C-alpha atoms as a PDB file:
ATOM      1  CA  MET A   1      -5.602 -10.249  27.798  1.00  0.00           C
ATOM      2  CA  ALA A   2      -7.335 -10.776  24.447  1.00  0.00           C
ATOM      3  CA  SER A   3      -6.876 -13.882  22.337  1.00  0.00           C
ATOM      4  CA  PRO A   4      -4.434 -13.746  19.387  1.00  0.00           C
ATOM      5  CA  GLU A   5      -7.386 -13.546  16.960  1.00  0.00           C
ATOM      6  CA  ILE A   6      -8.978 -10.580  18.729  1.00  0.00           C
ATOM      7  CA  GLU A   7      -5.591  -8.894  19.044  1.00  0.00           C
ATOM      8  CA  ALA A   8      -5.010  -9.428  15.301  1.00  0.00           C
ATOM      9  CA  LEU A   9      -8.392  -7.821  14.555  1.00  0.00           C
ATOM     10  CA  THR A  10      -7.511  -4.860  16.782  1.00  0.00           C
ATOM     11  CA  GLN A  11      -4.160  -4.423  15.039  1.00  0.00           C
ATOM     12  CA  ALA A  12      -5.785  -4.678  11.603  1.00  0.00           C
ATOM     13  CA  LEU A  13      -8.341  -1.984  12.480  1.00  0.00           C
ATOM     14  CA  SER A  14      -5.664   0.264  13.985  1.00  0.00           C
ATOM     15  CA  ARG A  15      -3.958   0.411  10.572  1.00  0.00           C
ATOM     16  CA  LEU A  16      -7.028   2.074   9.031  1.00  0.00           C
ATOM     17  CA  PRO A  17      -6.918   5.847   8.520  1.00  0.00           C
ATOM     18  CA  GLY A  18      -8.293   7.709  11.517  1.00  0.00           C
ATOM     19  CA  LEU A  19      -8.115   4.750  13.894  1.00  0.00           C
ATOM     20  CA  GLY A  20      -5.318   4.442  16.392  1.00  0.00           C
ATOM     21  CA  PRO A  21      -4.830   1.551  18.814  1.00  0.00           C
ATOM     22  CA  ARG A  22      -7.346   2.872  21.382  1.00  0.00           C
ATOM     23  CA  SER A  23     -10.066   3.606  18.823  1.00  0.00           C
ATOM     24  CA  ALA A  24      -9.491   0.199  17.230  1.00  0.00           C
ATOM     25  CA  ARG A  25      -9.800  -1.506  20.618  1.00  0.00           C
ATOM     26  CA  ARG A  26     -13.085   0.340  21.296  1.00  0.00           C
ATOM     27  CA  ALA A  27     -14.381  -0.646  17.852  1.00  0.00           C
ATOM     28  CA  VAL A  28     -13.479  -4.298  18.457  1.00  0.00           C
ATOM     29  CA  LEU A  29     -15.191  -4.284  21.863  1.00  0.00           C
ATOM     30  CA  HIS A  30     -18.313  -2.773  20.271  1.00  0.00           C
ATOM     31  CA  LEU A  31     -18.293  -5.404  17.516  1.00  0.00           C
ATOM     32  CA  LEU A  32     -17.914  -8.202  20.054  1.00  0.00           C
ATOM     33  CA  LYS A  33     -20.719  -6.881  22.281  1.00  0.00           C
ATOM     34  CA  LYS A  34     -23.043  -6.349  19.316  1.00  0.00           C
ATOM     35  CA  ARG A  35     -22.144  -9.518  17.440  1.00  0.00           C
ATOM     36  CA  GLU A  36     -25.491 -10.034  15.689  1.00  0.00           C
ATOM     37  CA  SER A  37     -26.298  -6.394  14.936  1.00  0.00           C
ATOM     38  CA  ALA A  38     -22.783  -5.099  14.167  1.00  0.00           C
ATOM     39  CA  LEU A  39     -20.123  -7.791  13.679  1.00  0.00           C
ATOM     40  CA  GLU A  40     -22.028 -10.198  11.447  1.00  0.00           C
ATOM     41  CA  PRO A  41     -23.399  -7.526   9.056  1.00  0.00           C
ATOM     42  CA  LEU A  42     -19.912  -6.004   8.858  1.00  0.00           C
ATOM     43  CA  LEU A  43     -18.376  -9.385   8.026  1.00  0.00           C
ATOM     44  CA  ARG A  44     -21.012 -10.030   5.328  1.00  0.00           C
ATOM     45  CA  ALA A  45     -20.469  -6.576   3.811  1.00  0.00           C
ATOM     46  CA  LEU A  46     -16.670  -6.951   3.821  1.00  0.00           C
ATOM     47  CA  ASP A  47     -16.920 -10.423   2.300  1.00  0.00           C
ATOM     48  CA  ALA A  48     -19.299  -9.238  -0.449  1.00  0.00           C
ATOM     49  CA  VAL A  49     -17.038  -6.320  -1.366  1.00  0.00           C
ATOM     50  CA  ASN A  50     -13.938  -8.517  -1.218  1.00  0.00           C
ATOM     51  CA  GLU A  51     -15.535 -11.042  -3.606  1.00  0.00           C
ATOM     52  CA  ARG A  52     -16.776  -8.482  -6.144  1.00  0.00           C
ATOM     53  CA  LEU A  53     -14.331  -5.552  -5.942  1.00  0.00           C
ATOM     54  CA  VAL A  54     -13.035  -4.498  -9.372  1.00  0.00           C
ATOM     55  CA  THR A  55     -11.320  -1.519 -10.940  1.00  0.00           C
ATOM     56  CA  CYS A  56     -13.409   0.158 -13.640  1.00  0.00           C
ATOM     57  CA  SER A  57     -11.789  -0.473 -17.017  1.00  0.00           C
ATOM     58  CA  LEU A  58     -12.964   2.928 -18.294  1.00  0.00           C
ATOM     59  CA  CYS A  59     -12.122   5.404 -15.521  1.00  0.00           C
ATOM     60  CA  GLY A  60     -10.126   3.597 -12.812  1.00  0.00           C
ATOM     61  CA  ASN A  61     -12.778   3.938 -10.081  1.00  0.00           C
ATOM     62  CA  VAL A  62     -13.246   1.000  -7.714  1.00  0.00           C
ATOM     63  CA  ASP A  63     -16.693  -0.579  -7.564  1.00  0.00           C
ATOM     64  CA  THR A  64     -18.356  -3.968  -7.557  1.00  0.00           C
ATOM     65  CA  VAL A  65     -19.264  -3.729 -11.270  1.00  0.00           C
ATOM     66  CA  ASP A  66     -17.327  -2.917 -14.445  1.00  0.00           C
ATOM     67  CA  PRO A  67     -17.971  -0.385 -15.859  1.00  0.00           C
ATOM     68  CA  CYS A  68     -18.590   1.394 -12.567  1.00  0.00           C
ATOM     69  CA  GLY A  69     -21.887   3.028 -11.651  1.00  0.00           C
ATOM     70  CA  ILE A  70     -20.634   6.462 -12.688  1.00  0.00           C
ATOM     71  CA  CYS A  71     -19.468   5.356 -16.150  1.00  0.00           C
ATOM     72  CA  ALA A  72     -22.652   3.346 -16.706  1.00  0.00           C
ATOM     73  CA  ASP A  73     -24.952   6.232 -15.725  1.00  0.00           C
ATOM     74  CA  PRO A  74     -26.587   7.568 -18.927  1.00  0.00           C
ATOM     75  CA  ARG A  75     -27.412  10.853 -17.159  1.00  0.00           C
ATOM     76  CA  ARG A  76     -23.720  11.747 -16.974  1.00  0.00           C
ATOM     77  CA  ASP A  77     -22.409  14.261 -19.516  1.00  0.00           C
ATOM     78  CA  ALA A  78     -19.906  12.252 -21.564  1.00  0.00           C
ATOM     79  CA  ARG A  79     -18.511  15.491 -23.054  1.00  0.00           C
ATOM     80  CA  ALA A  80     -17.032  16.608 -19.688  1.00  0.00           C
ATOM     81  CA  LEU A  81     -14.167  14.648 -18.148  1.00  0.00           C
ATOM     82  CA  CYS A  82     -12.710  15.362 -14.699  1.00  0.00           C
ATOM     83  CA  VAL A  83      -9.197  14.005 -14.087  1.00  0.00           C
ATOM     84  CA  VAL A  84      -8.300  13.191 -10.473  1.00  0.00           C
ATOM     85  CA  GLU A  85      -5.281  11.741  -8.725  1.00  0.00           C
ATOM     86  CA  ASP A  86      -7.006   8.894  -6.911  1.00  0.00           C
ATOM     87  CA  VAL A  87     -10.333   7.283  -6.094  1.00  0.00           C
ATOM     88  CA  ALA A  88     -10.754   9.269  -2.850  1.00  0.00           C
ATOM     89  CA  ASP A  89     -10.715  12.475  -4.921  1.00  0.00           C
ATOM     90  CA  LEU A  90     -13.298  11.046  -7.347  1.00  0.00           C
ATOM     91  CA  TRP A  91     -15.587  10.052  -4.468  1.00  0.00           C
ATOM     92  CA  ALA A  92     -15.237  13.496  -2.840  1.00  0.00           C
ATOM     93  CA  LEU A  93     -16.183  15.304  -6.067  1.00  0.00           C
ATOM     94  CA  ASP A  94     -18.956  12.850  -6.922  1.00  0.00           C
ATOM     95  CA  LYS A  95     -20.455  13.111  -3.430  1.00  0.00           C
ATOM     96  CA  SER A  96     -20.785  16.871  -3.901  1.00  0.00           C
ATOM     97  CA  ARG A  97     -22.989  16.221  -6.978  1.00  0.00           C
ATOM     98  CA  LEU A  98     -21.523  19.353  -8.542  1.00  0.00           C
ATOM     99  CA  PHE A  99     -19.785  17.798 -11.545  1.00  0.00           C
ATOM    100  CA  PRO A 100     -22.197  16.274 -14.079  1.00  0.00           C
ATOM    101  CA  GLY A 101     -19.590  14.578 -16.258  1.00  0.00           C
ATOM    102  CA  ARG A 102     -17.416  11.500 -16.110  1.00  0.00           C
ATOM    103  CA  PHE A 103     -14.097  10.916 -14.363  1.00  0.00           C
ATOM    104  CA  HIS A 104     -10.618   9.568 -15.010  1.00  0.00           C
ATOM    105  CA  VAL A 105      -8.437   8.343 -12.122  1.00  0.00           C
ATOM    106  CA  LEU A 106      -4.689   8.667 -12.695  1.00  0.00           C
ATOM    107  CA  GLY A 107      -3.745   6.378  -9.826  1.00  0.00           C
ATOM    108  CA  GLY A 108      -1.385   8.891  -8.232  1.00  0.00           C
ATOM    109  CA  ARG A 109       0.624  11.977  -9.136  1.00  0.00           C
ATOM    110  CA  LEU A 110       4.022  12.639 -10.649  1.00  0.00           C
ATOM    111  CA  SER A 111       6.742  12.765  -8.025  1.00  0.00           C
ATOM    112  CA  ALA A 112      10.477  12.753  -8.639  1.00  0.00           C
ATOM    113  CA  LEU A 113      11.126  12.153  -4.927  1.00  0.00           C
ATOM    114  CA  GLU A 114       8.866   9.091  -4.831  1.00  0.00           C
ATOM    115  CA  GLY A 115      10.003   7.884  -8.261  1.00  0.00           C
ATOM    116  CA  VAL A 116       6.514   8.167  -9.832  1.00  0.00           C
ATOM    117  CA  ARG A 117       6.915   8.710 -13.579  1.00  0.00           C
ATOM    118  CA  PRO A 118       4.266   9.361 -16.277  1.00  0.00           C
ATOM    119  CA  GLU A 119       4.307   5.700 -17.311  1.00  0.00           C
ATOM    120  CA  ASP A 120       3.400   4.714 -13.737  1.00  0.00           C
ATOM    121  CA  LEU A 121       0.064   6.543 -14.024  1.00  0.00           C
ATOM    122  CA  SER A 122      -2.901   6.037 -16.360  1.00  0.00           C
ATOM    123  CA  ILE A 123      -1.941   9.034 -18.476  1.00  0.00           C
ATOM    124  CA  ASP A 124      -1.786   7.107 -21.770  1.00  0.00           C
ATOM    125  CA  ALA A 125      -5.331   5.844 -21.142  1.00  0.00           C
ATOM    126  CA  LEU A 126      -6.444   9.446 -20.529  1.00  0.00           C
ATOM    127  CA  VAL A 127      -4.846  10.629 -23.771  1.00  0.00           C
ATOM    128  CA  ALA A 128      -6.535   7.742 -25.619  1.00  0.00           C
ATOM    129  CA  ARG A 129      -9.944   8.712 -24.180  1.00  0.00           C
ATOM    130  CA  VAL A 130      -9.519  12.316 -25.302  1.00  0.00           C
ATOM    131  CA  GLU A 131      -8.121  11.268 -28.690  1.00  0.00           C
ATOM    132  CA  ALA A 132     -11.161   9.046 -29.311  1.00  0.00           C
ATOM    133  CA  GLY A 133     -13.275  12.209 -29.409  1.00  0.00           C
ATOM    134  CA  GLY A 134     -16.594  13.210 -27.911  1.00  0.00           C
ATOM    135  CA  ILE A 135     -15.000  15.155 -25.048  1.00  0.00           C
ATOM    136  CA  ASP A 136     -15.338  18.954 -25.052  1.00  0.00           C
ATOM    137  CA  GLU A 137     -13.792  19.793 -21.660  1.00  0.00           C
ATOM    138  CA  VAL A 138     -11.135  18.190 -19.481  1.00  0.00           C
ATOM    139  CA  VAL A 139     -11.045  19.446 -15.873  1.00  0.00           C
ATOM    140  CA  LEU A 140      -7.663  18.879 -14.231  1.00  0.00           C
ATOM    141  CA  ALA A 141      -8.714  18.403 -10.602  1.00  0.00           C
ATOM    142  CA  MET A 142      -5.298  17.793  -9.087  1.00  0.00           C
ATOM    143  CA  ASN A 143      -4.588  18.417  -5.433  1.00  0.00           C
ATOM    144  CA  ALA A 144      -3.060  21.834  -4.683  1.00  0.00           C
ATOM    145  CA  THR A 145       0.339  20.370  -3.868  1.00  0.00           C
ATOM    146  CA  LEU A 146       3.614  20.782  -5.746  1.00  0.00           C
ATOM    147  CA  GLU A 147       3.270  17.271  -7.161  1.00  0.00           C
ATOM    148  CA  GLY A 148      -0.383  17.821  -8.053  1.00  0.00           C
ATOM    149  CA  GLN A 149       0.356  21.041  -9.926  1.00  0.00           C
ATOM    150  CA  THR A 150       3.341  19.409 -11.667  1.00  0.00           C
ATOM    151  CA  THR A 151       1.028  16.616 -12.789  1.00  0.00           C
ATOM    152  CA  ALA A 152      -1.568  19.134 -14.031  1.00  0.00           C
ATOM    153  CA  HIS A 153       1.094  20.993 -16.030  1.00  0.00           C
ATOM    154  CA  TYR A 154       2.348  17.740 -17.586  1.00  0.00           C
ATOM    155  CA  LEU A 155      -1.210  16.697 -18.504  1.00  0.00           C
ATOM    156  CA  ALA A 156      -1.892  20.112 -20.033  1.00  0.00           C
ATOM    157  CA  GLU A 157       1.160  19.690 -22.269  1.00  0.00           C
ATOM    158  CA  ARG A 158       0.060  16.184 -23.312  1.00  0.00           C
ATOM    159  CA  LEU A 159      -3.519  17.293 -24.069  1.00  0.00           C
ATOM    160  CA  GLU A 160      -2.914  20.689 -25.697  1.00  0.00           C
ATOM    161  CA  ARG A 161      -2.950  19.221 -29.235  1.00  0.00           C
ATOM    162  CA  PHE A 162      -6.582  18.129 -28.897  1.00  0.00           C
ATOM    163  CA  PRO A 163      -9.581  20.410 -29.555  1.00  0.00           C
ATOM    164  CA  VAL A 164     -10.771  20.351 -25.943  1.00  0.00           C
ATOM    165  CA  ARG A 165     -11.182  23.079 -23.351  1.00  0.00           C
ATOM    166  CA  LEU A 166      -8.631  22.456 -20.591  1.00  0.00           C
ATOM    167  CA  THR A 167      -9.588  23.808 -17.170  1.00  0.00           C
ATOM    168  CA  GLN A 168      -8.376  23.296 -13.638  1.00  0.00           C
ATOM    169  CA  LEU A 169      -9.875  23.845 -10.227  1.00  0.00           C
ATOM    170  CA  ALA A 170      -9.699  27.405  -8.971  1.00  0.00           C
ATOM    171  CA  HIS A 171      -7.129  28.364  -6.400  1.00  0.00           C
ATOM    172  CA  GLY A 172      -9.825  28.463  -3.706  1.00  0.00           C
ATOM    173  CA  VAL A 173      -8.528  25.021  -2.815  1.00  0.00           C
ATOM    174  CA  PRO A 174      -5.889  25.679  -0.144  1.00  0.00           C
ATOM    175  CA  VAL A 175      -2.268  25.070  -1.093  1.00  0.00           C
ATOM    176  CA  GLY A 176      -1.247  21.725   0.318  1.00  0.00           C
ATOM    177  CA  GLY A 177      -4.930  20.735   0.580  1.00  0.00           C
ATOM    178  CA  GLU A 178      -6.272  17.373  -0.506  1.00  0.00           C
ATOM    179  CA  LEU A 179      -9.678  17.064  -2.147  1.00  0.00           C
ATOM    180  CA  ASP A 180     -11.078  14.299   0.034  1.00  0.00           C
ATOM    181  CA  TYR A 181     -10.595  16.514   3.145  1.00  0.00           C
ATOM    182  CA  LEU A 182     -12.472  19.535   1.748  1.00  0.00           C
ATOM    183  CA  ASP A 183     -16.056  20.408   2.577  1.00  0.00           C
ATOM    184  CA  GLU A 184     -18.684  20.538  -0.164  1.00  0.00           C
ATOM    185  CA  GLY A 185     -18.836  24.355  -0.100  1.00  0.00           C
ATOM    186  CA  THR A 186     -15.121  24.642  -0.865  1.00  0.00           C
ATOM    187  CA  LEU A 187     -15.437  22.010  -3.607  1.00  0.00           C
ATOM    188  CA  ALA A 188     -18.432  23.837  -5.080  1.00  0.00           C
ATOM    189  CA  GLN A 189     -16.534  27.137  -5.194  1.00  0.00           C
ATOM    190  CA  ALA A 190     -13.477  25.490  -6.736  1.00  0.00           C
ATOM    191  CA  LEU A 191     -15.540  23.832  -9.478  1.00  0.00           C
ATOM    192  CA  ARG A 192     -17.518  27.014 -10.239  1.00  0.00           C
ATOM    193  CA  ALA A 193     -14.335  29.104 -10.500  1.00  0.00           C
ATOM    194  CA  ARG A 194     -12.326  26.681 -12.625  1.00  0.00           C
ATOM    195  CA  ARG A 195     -10.323  28.397 -15.343  1.00  0.00           C
ATOM    196  CA  PRO A 196      -8.467  27.557 -18.541  1.00  0.00           C
ATOM    197  CA  VAL A 197      -4.987  26.057 -18.138  1.00  0.00           C
ATOM    198  CA  GLY A 198      -2.060  28.135 -19.368  1.00  0.00           C
END
């Protein structure tokens, strides 16, 4: 029987996505066996992130600096803005290195069932960014779910008064699919085949 501390660690790890109780137990045993080469570096990394973690005041990404590395990168095309539901979607698109512009994280999607309203998301901040000028294209990269498409439609209505090209990801993204689960080939095709909204 493990001590309460080790059991608490196992339970904490089992709450992470993709780790059930057995996988968490195996991970804990590995960390305990490899204390110097695995546990201590992990603890230092977690502590460093915990101390410095911030939300980017420009786009809503999470990073250890504000503005985040993406917003601060002068090589990014400031005229192209990709709107995503959450940080996992931003990271998936950024990892593909297919979108050269900047991002805006809404912090969720509209959902009547879950009680998520426009004021619960960073939609006003998005509108303010577009209204400030300097943006030629806004890519609505919502997940291909009912809520994601509802959110995209609402954003299109809010942004239609601005002189920007509104596009959305092509329908190559499977219905019900979530961006952070897609492979880079599917993401590449979806970005290449994006089309005007409406």
